[in-house]
Amino acid sequence: MLATWIPVYAVLLVPALVPAERQAAWISGMVYTVEAALGAALLLLAAACAVSWVRTKLHA
């Protein structure tokens, strides 16, 4: 997850990489990507916990 922030830091530290008029959109896109990936990871974790709970109740 942290590796996806490296391009954001690159833009902040080396602004010439992305034109100034595109930096805000580019950074917000990266933030959205990180949020979407984190949301997907949490959803998968919740699903795994639910499956584990159901399997425990079935074998009890």
PDB file of N, CA and C in Angstrom:
ATOM      1  N   MET A   1       0.825  -1.199   0.000  1.00  0.00           N
ATOM      2  CA  MET A   1       0.000   0.000   0.000  1.00  0.00           C
ATOM      3  C   MET A   1       0.863   1.254   0.000  1.00  0.00           C
ATOM      4  N   LEU A   2       1.900   1.236   0.789  1.00  0.00           N
ATOM      5  CA  LEU A   2       2.731   2.430   0.872  1.00  0.00           C
ATOM      6  C   LEU A   2       3.467   2.697  -0.437  1.00  0.00           C
ATOM      7  N   ALA A   3       3.755   1.649  -1.185  1.00  0.00           N
ATOM      8  CA  ALA A   3       4.465   1.840  -2.454  1.00  0.00           C
ATOM      9  C   ALA A   3       3.639   2.630  -3.455  1.00  0.00           C
ATOM     10  N   THR A   4       2.320   2.593  -3.332  1.00  0.00           N
ATOM     11  CA  THR A   4       1.493   3.355  -4.271  1.00  0.00           C
ATOM     12  C   THR A   4       1.588   4.849  -4.019  1.00  0.00           C
ATOM     13  N   TRP A   5       2.100   5.250  -2.863  1.00  0.00           N
ATOM     14  CA  TRP A   5       2.267   6.677  -2.569  1.00  0.00           C
ATOM     15  C   TRP A   5       3.561   7.232  -3.119  1.00  0.00           C
ATOM     16  N   ILE A   6       4.492   6.374  -3.552  1.00  0.00           N
ATOM     17  CA  ILE A   6       5.781   6.847  -4.060  1.00  0.00           C
ATOM     18  C   ILE A   6       5.609   7.830  -5.223  1.00  0.00           C
ATOM     19  N   PRO A   7       4.733   7.571  -6.199  1.00  0.00           N
ATOM     20  CA  PRO A   7       4.557   8.566  -7.270  1.00  0.00           C
ATOM     21  C   PRO A   7       4.031   9.911  -6.760  1.00  0.00           C
ATOM     22  N   VAL A   8       3.196   9.885  -5.732  1.00  0.00           N
ATOM     23  CA  VAL A   8       2.686  11.140  -5.172  1.00  0.00           C
ATOM     24  C   VAL A   8       3.831  11.937  -4.577  1.00  0.00           C
ATOM     25  N   TYR A   9       4.681  11.257  -3.815  1.00  0.00           N
ATOM     26  CA  TYR A   9       5.837  11.951  -3.238  1.00  0.00           C
ATOM     27  C   TYR A   9       6.766  12.453  -4.339  1.00  0.00           C
ATOM     28  N   ALA A  10       6.907  11.679  -5.408  1.00  0.00           N
ATOM     29  CA  ALA A  10       7.769  12.110  -6.513  1.00  0.00           C
ATOM     30  C   ALA A  10       7.249  13.411  -7.119  1.00  0.00           C
ATOM     31  N   VAL A  11       5.932  13.517  -7.279  1.00  0.00           N
ATOM     32  CA  VAL A  11       5.362  14.741  -7.836  1.00  0.00           C
ATOM     33  C   VAL A  11       5.544  15.904  -6.868  1.00  0.00           C
ATOM     34  N   LEU A  12       5.372  15.641  -5.579  1.00  0.00           N
ATOM     35  CA  LEU A  12       5.523  16.709  -4.603  1.00  0.00           C
ATOM     36  C   LEU A  12       6.971  17.166  -4.492  1.00  0.00           C
ATOM     37  N   LEU A  13       7.907  16.222  -4.598  1.00  0.00           N
ATOM     38  CA  LEU A  13       9.317  16.570  -4.439  1.00  0.00           C
ATOM     39  C   LEU A  13       9.971  17.028  -5.742  1.00  0.00           C
ATOM     40  N   VAL A  14       9.490  16.504  -6.878  1.00  0.00           N
ATOM     41  CA  VAL A  14      10.040  16.873  -8.188  1.00  0.00           C
ATOM     42  C   VAL A  14       8.869  17.307  -9.065  1.00  0.00           C
ATOM     43  N   PRO A  15       8.398  18.533  -8.894  1.00  0.00           N
ATOM     44  CA  PRO A  15       7.196  18.980  -9.595  1.00  0.00           C
ATOM     45  C   PRO A  15       7.304  18.965 -11.118  1.00  0.00           C
ATOM     46  N   ALA A  16       8.506  18.944 -11.662  1.00  0.00           N
ATOM     47  CA  ALA A  16       8.667  18.961 -13.116  1.00  0.00           C
ATOM     48  C   ALA A  16       8.227  17.645 -13.772  1.00  0.00           C
ATOM     49  N   LEU A  17       8.006  16.590 -12.984  1.00  0.00           N
ATOM     50  CA  LEU A  17       7.596  15.301 -13.556  1.00  0.00           C
ATOM     51  C   LEU A  17       6.216  15.373 -14.201  1.00  0.00           C
ATOM     52  N   VAL A  18       5.329  16.136 -13.600  1.00  0.00           N
ATOM     53  CA  VAL A  18       3.967  16.276 -14.109  1.00  0.00           C
ATOM     54  C   VAL A  18       3.695  17.774 -14.256  1.00  0.00           C
ATOM     55  N   PRO A  19       3.105  18.197 -15.385  1.00  0.00           N
ATOM     56  CA  PRO A  19       2.810  19.625 -15.562  1.00  0.00           C
ATOM     57  C   PRO A  19       1.962  20.173 -14.407  1.00  0.00           C
ATOM     58  N   ALA A  20       2.182  21.415 -14.053  1.00  0.00           N
ATOM     59  CA  ALA A  20       1.527  22.023 -12.895  1.00  0.00           C
ATOM     60  C   ALA A  20       0.008  21.945 -12.971  1.00  0.00           C
ATOM     61  N   GLU A  21      -0.558  22.114 -14.154  1.00  0.00           N
ATOM     62  CA  GLU A  21      -2.020  22.096 -14.266  1.00  0.00           C
ATOM     63  C   GLU A  21      -2.605  20.696 -14.101  1.00  0.00           C
ATOM     64  N   ARG A  22      -1.767  19.676 -14.161  1.00  0.00           N
ATOM     65  CA  ARG A  22      -2.248  18.299 -14.023  1.00  0.00           C
ATOM     66  C   ARG A  22      -1.930  17.690 -12.657  1.00  0.00           C
ATOM     67  N   GLN A  23      -1.138  18.354 -11.837  1.00  0.00           N
ATOM     68  CA  GLN A  23      -0.689  17.756 -10.578  1.00  0.00           C
ATOM     69  C   GLN A  23      -1.830  17.471  -9.615  1.00  0.00           C
ATOM     70  N   ALA A  24      -2.752  18.400  -9.458  1.00  0.00           N
ATOM     71  CA  ALA A  24      -3.857  18.182  -8.520  1.00  0.00           C
ATOM     72  C   ALA A  24      -4.701  16.982  -8.940  1.00  0.00           C
ATOM     73  N   ALA A  25      -5.024  16.890 -10.228  1.00  0.00           N
ATOM     74  CA  ALA A  25      -5.819  15.757 -10.716  1.00  0.00           C
ATOM     75  C   ALA A  25      -5.042  14.452 -10.574  1.00  0.00           C
ATOM     76  N   TRP A  26      -3.760  14.505 -10.830  1.00  0.00           N
ATOM     77  CA  TRP A  26      -2.933  13.304 -10.755  1.00  0.00           C
ATOM     78  C   TRP A  26      -2.848  12.806  -9.323  1.00  0.00           C
ATOM     79  N   ILE A  27      -2.628  13.705  -8.386  1.00  0.00           N
ATOM     80  CA  ILE A  27      -2.517  13.313  -6.975  1.00  0.00           C
ATOM     81  C   ILE A  27      -3.864  12.809  -6.455  1.00  0.00           C
ATOM     82  N   SER A  28      -4.959  13.480  -6.822  1.00  0.00           N
ATOM     83  CA  SER A  28      -6.266  13.004  -6.354  1.00  0.00           C
ATOM     84  C   SER A  28      -6.584  11.636  -6.944  1.00  0.00           C
ATOM     85  N   GLY A  29      -6.149  11.374  -8.161  1.00  0.00           N
ATOM     86  CA  GLY A  29      -6.324  10.044  -8.752  1.00  0.00           C
ATOM     87  C   GLY A  29      -5.547   8.985  -7.997  1.00  0.00           C
ATOM     88  N   MET A  30      -4.336   9.326  -7.575  1.00  0.00           N
ATOM     89  CA  MET A  30      -3.541   8.380  -6.798  1.00  0.00           C
ATOM     90  C   MET A  30      -4.185   8.120  -5.431  1.00  0.00           C
ATOM     91  N   VAL A  31      -4.701   9.174  -4.812  1.00  0.00           N
ATOM     92  CA  VAL A  31      -5.376   9.002  -3.516  1.00  0.00           C
ATOM     93  C   VAL A  31      -6.595   8.099  -3.677  1.00  0.00           C
ATOM     94  N   TYR A  32      -7.364   8.317  -4.746  1.00  0.00           N
ATOM     95  CA  TYR A  32      -8.531   7.472  -5.004  1.00  0.00           C
ATOM     96  C   TYR A  32      -8.112   6.020  -5.206  1.00  0.00           C
ATOM     97  N   THR A  33      -7.023   5.801  -5.931  1.00  0.00           N
ATOM     98  CA  THR A  33      -6.543   4.441  -6.169  1.00  0.00           C
ATOM     99  C   THR A  33      -6.165   3.762  -4.858  1.00  0.00           C
ATOM    100  N   VAL A  34      -5.472   4.480  -3.986  1.00  0.00           N
ATOM    101  CA  VAL A  34      -5.087   3.913  -2.689  1.00  0.00           C
ATOM    102  C   VAL A  34      -6.325   3.608  -1.852  1.00  0.00           C
ATOM    103  N   GLU A  35      -7.296   4.526  -1.855  1.00  0.00           N
ATOM    104  CA  GLU A  35      -8.524   4.286  -1.094  1.00  0.00           C
ATOM    105  C   GLU A  35      -9.287   3.088  -1.641  1.00  0.00           C
ATOM    106  N   ALA A  36      -9.349   2.950  -2.949  1.00  0.00           N
ATOM    107  CA  ALA A  36     -10.052   1.814  -3.543  1.00  0.00           C
ATOM    108  C   ALA A  36      -9.350   0.498  -3.206  1.00  0.00           C
ATOM    109  N   ALA A  37      -8.026   0.482  -3.265  1.00  0.00           N
ATOM    110  CA  ALA A  37      -7.283  -0.732  -2.936  1.00  0.00           C
ATOM    111  C   ALA A  37      -7.453  -1.092  -1.460  1.00  0.00           C
ATOM    112  N   LEU A  38      -7.419  -0.091  -0.596  1.00  0.00           N
ATOM    113  CA  LEU A  38      -7.615  -0.341   0.831  1.00  0.00           C
ATOM    114  C   LEU A  38      -9.029  -0.853   1.103  1.00  0.00           C
ATOM    115  N   GLY A  39     -10.009  -0.277   0.442  1.00  0.00           N
ATOM    116  CA  GLY A  39     -11.387  -0.747   0.594  1.00  0.00           C
ATOM    117  C   GLY A  39     -11.549  -2.185   0.135  1.00  0.00           C
ATOM    118  N   ALA A  40     -10.923  -2.532  -0.980  1.00  0.00           N
ATOM    119  CA  ALA A  40     -10.998  -3.905  -1.479  1.00  0.00           C
ATOM    120  C   ALA A  40     -10.321  -4.869  -0.508  1.00  0.00           C
ATOM    121  N   ALA A  41      -9.188  -4.464   0.056  1.00  0.00           N
ATOM    122  CA  ALA A  41      -8.486  -5.320   1.016  1.00  0.00           C
ATOM    123  C   ALA A  41      -9.332  -5.536   2.262  1.00  0.00           C
ATOM    124  N   LEU A  42      -9.971  -4.478   2.747  1.00  0.00           N
ATOM    125  CA  LEU A  42     -10.826  -4.619   3.924  1.00  0.00           C
ATOM    126  C   LEU A  42     -12.043  -5.488   3.629  1.00  0.00           C
ATOM    127  N   LEU A  43     -12.601  -5.363   2.449  1.00  0.00           N
ATOM    128  CA  LEU A  43     -13.729  -6.203   2.063  1.00  0.00           C
ATOM    129  C   LEU A  43     -13.321  -7.678   2.026  1.00  0.00           C
ATOM    130  N   LEU A  44     -12.151  -7.951   1.453  1.00  0.00           N
ATOM    131  CA  LEU A  44     -11.675  -9.341   1.416  1.00  0.00           C
ATOM    132  C   LEU A  44     -11.403  -9.874   2.820  1.00  0.00           C
ATOM    133  N   LEU A  45     -10.861  -9.039   3.685  1.00  0.00           N
ATOM    134  CA  LEU A  45     -10.620  -9.449   5.067  1.00  0.00           C
ATOM    135  C   LEU A  45     -11.936  -9.755   5.781  1.00  0.00           C
ATOM    136  N   ALA A  46     -12.946  -8.914   5.583  1.00  0.00           N
ATOM    137  CA  ALA A  46     -14.257  -9.153   6.200  1.00  0.00           C
ATOM    138  C   ALA A  46     -14.874 -10.441   5.668  1.00  0.00           C
ATOM    139  N   ALA A  47     -14.735 -10.681   4.374  1.00  0.00           N
ATOM    140  CA  ALA A  47     -15.277 -11.912   3.786  1.00  0.00           C
ATOM    141  C   ALA A  47     -14.572 -13.139   4.358  1.00  0.00           C
ATOM    142  N   ALA A  48     -13.259 -13.062   4.515  1.00  0.00           N
ATOM    143  CA  ALA A  48     -12.513 -14.188   5.071  1.00  0.00           C
ATOM    144  C   ALA A  48     -12.926 -14.447   6.519  1.00  0.00           C
ATOM    145  N   CYS A  49     -13.142 -13.386   7.274  1.00  0.00           N
ATOM    146  CA  CYS A  49     -13.597 -13.551   8.667  1.00  0.00           C
ATOM    147  C   CYS A  49     -14.992 -14.175   8.708  1.00  0.00           C
ATOM    148  N   ALA A  50     -15.863 -13.757   7.809  1.00  0.00           N
ATOM    149  CA  ALA A  50     -17.218 -14.306   7.773  1.00  0.00           C
ATOM    150  C   ALA A  50     -17.195 -15.791   7.419  1.00  0.00           C
ATOM    151  N   VAL A  51     -16.385 -16.157   6.451  1.00  0.00           N
ATOM    152  CA  VAL A  51     -16.279 -17.571   6.064  1.00  0.00           C
ATOM    153  C   VAL A  51     -15.720 -18.387   7.220  1.00  0.00           C
ATOM    154  N   SER A  52     -14.708 -17.863   7.891  1.00  0.00           N
ATOM    155  CA  SER A  52     -14.136 -18.567   9.030  1.00  0.00           C
ATOM    156  C   SER A  52     -15.166 -18.750  10.137  1.00  0.00           C
ATOM    157  N   TRP A  53     -15.940 -17.714  10.403  1.00  0.00           N
ATOM    158  CA  TRP A  53     -16.960 -17.788  11.445  1.00  0.00           C
ATOM    159  C   TRP A  53     -18.014 -18.836  11.092  1.00  0.00           C
ATOM    160  N   VAL A  54     -18.461 -18.852   9.827  1.00  0.00           N
ATOM    161  CA  VAL A  54     -19.479 -19.817   9.407  1.00  0.00           C
ATOM    162  C   VAL A  54     -18.929 -21.233   9.498  1.00  0.00           C
ATOM    163  N   ARG A  55     -17.688 -21.441   9.086  1.00  0.00           N
ATOM    164  CA  ARG A  55     -17.099 -22.774   9.157  1.00  0.00           C
ATOM    165  C   ARG A  55     -16.970 -23.241  10.607  1.00  0.00           C
ATOM    166  N   THR A  56     -16.641 -22.309  11.513  1.00  0.00           N
ATOM    167  CA  THR A  56     -16.548 -22.657  12.931  1.00  0.00           C
ATOM    168  C   THR A  56     -17.909 -23.081  13.472  1.00  0.00           C
ATOM    169  N   LYS A  57     -18.967 -22.368  13.096  1.00  0.00           N
ATOM    170  CA  LYS A  57     -20.316 -22.679  13.589  1.00  0.00           C
ATOM    171  C   LYS A  57     -20.816 -23.990  13.004  1.00  0.00           C
ATOM    172  N   LEU A  58     -20.446 -24.322  11.768  1.00  0.00           N
ATOM    173  CA  LEU A  58     -20.894 -25.563  11.149  1.00  0.00           C
ATOM    174  C   LEU A  58     -20.215 -26.785  11.778  1.00  0.00           C
ATOM    175  N   HIS A  59     -18.984 -26.626  12.242  1.00  0.00           N
ATOM    176  CA  HIS A  59     -18.242 -27.756  12.808  1.00  0.00           C
ATOM    177  C   HIS A  59     -18.357 -27.840  14.316  1.00  0.00           C
ATOM    178  N   ALA A  60     -19.127 -26.970  14.916  1.00  0.00           N
ATOM    179  CA  ALA A  60     -19.253 -26.967  16.387  1.00  0.00           C
ATOM    180  C   ALA A  60     -20.266 -28.005  16.842  1.00  0.00           C
TER     181      ALA A  60
END
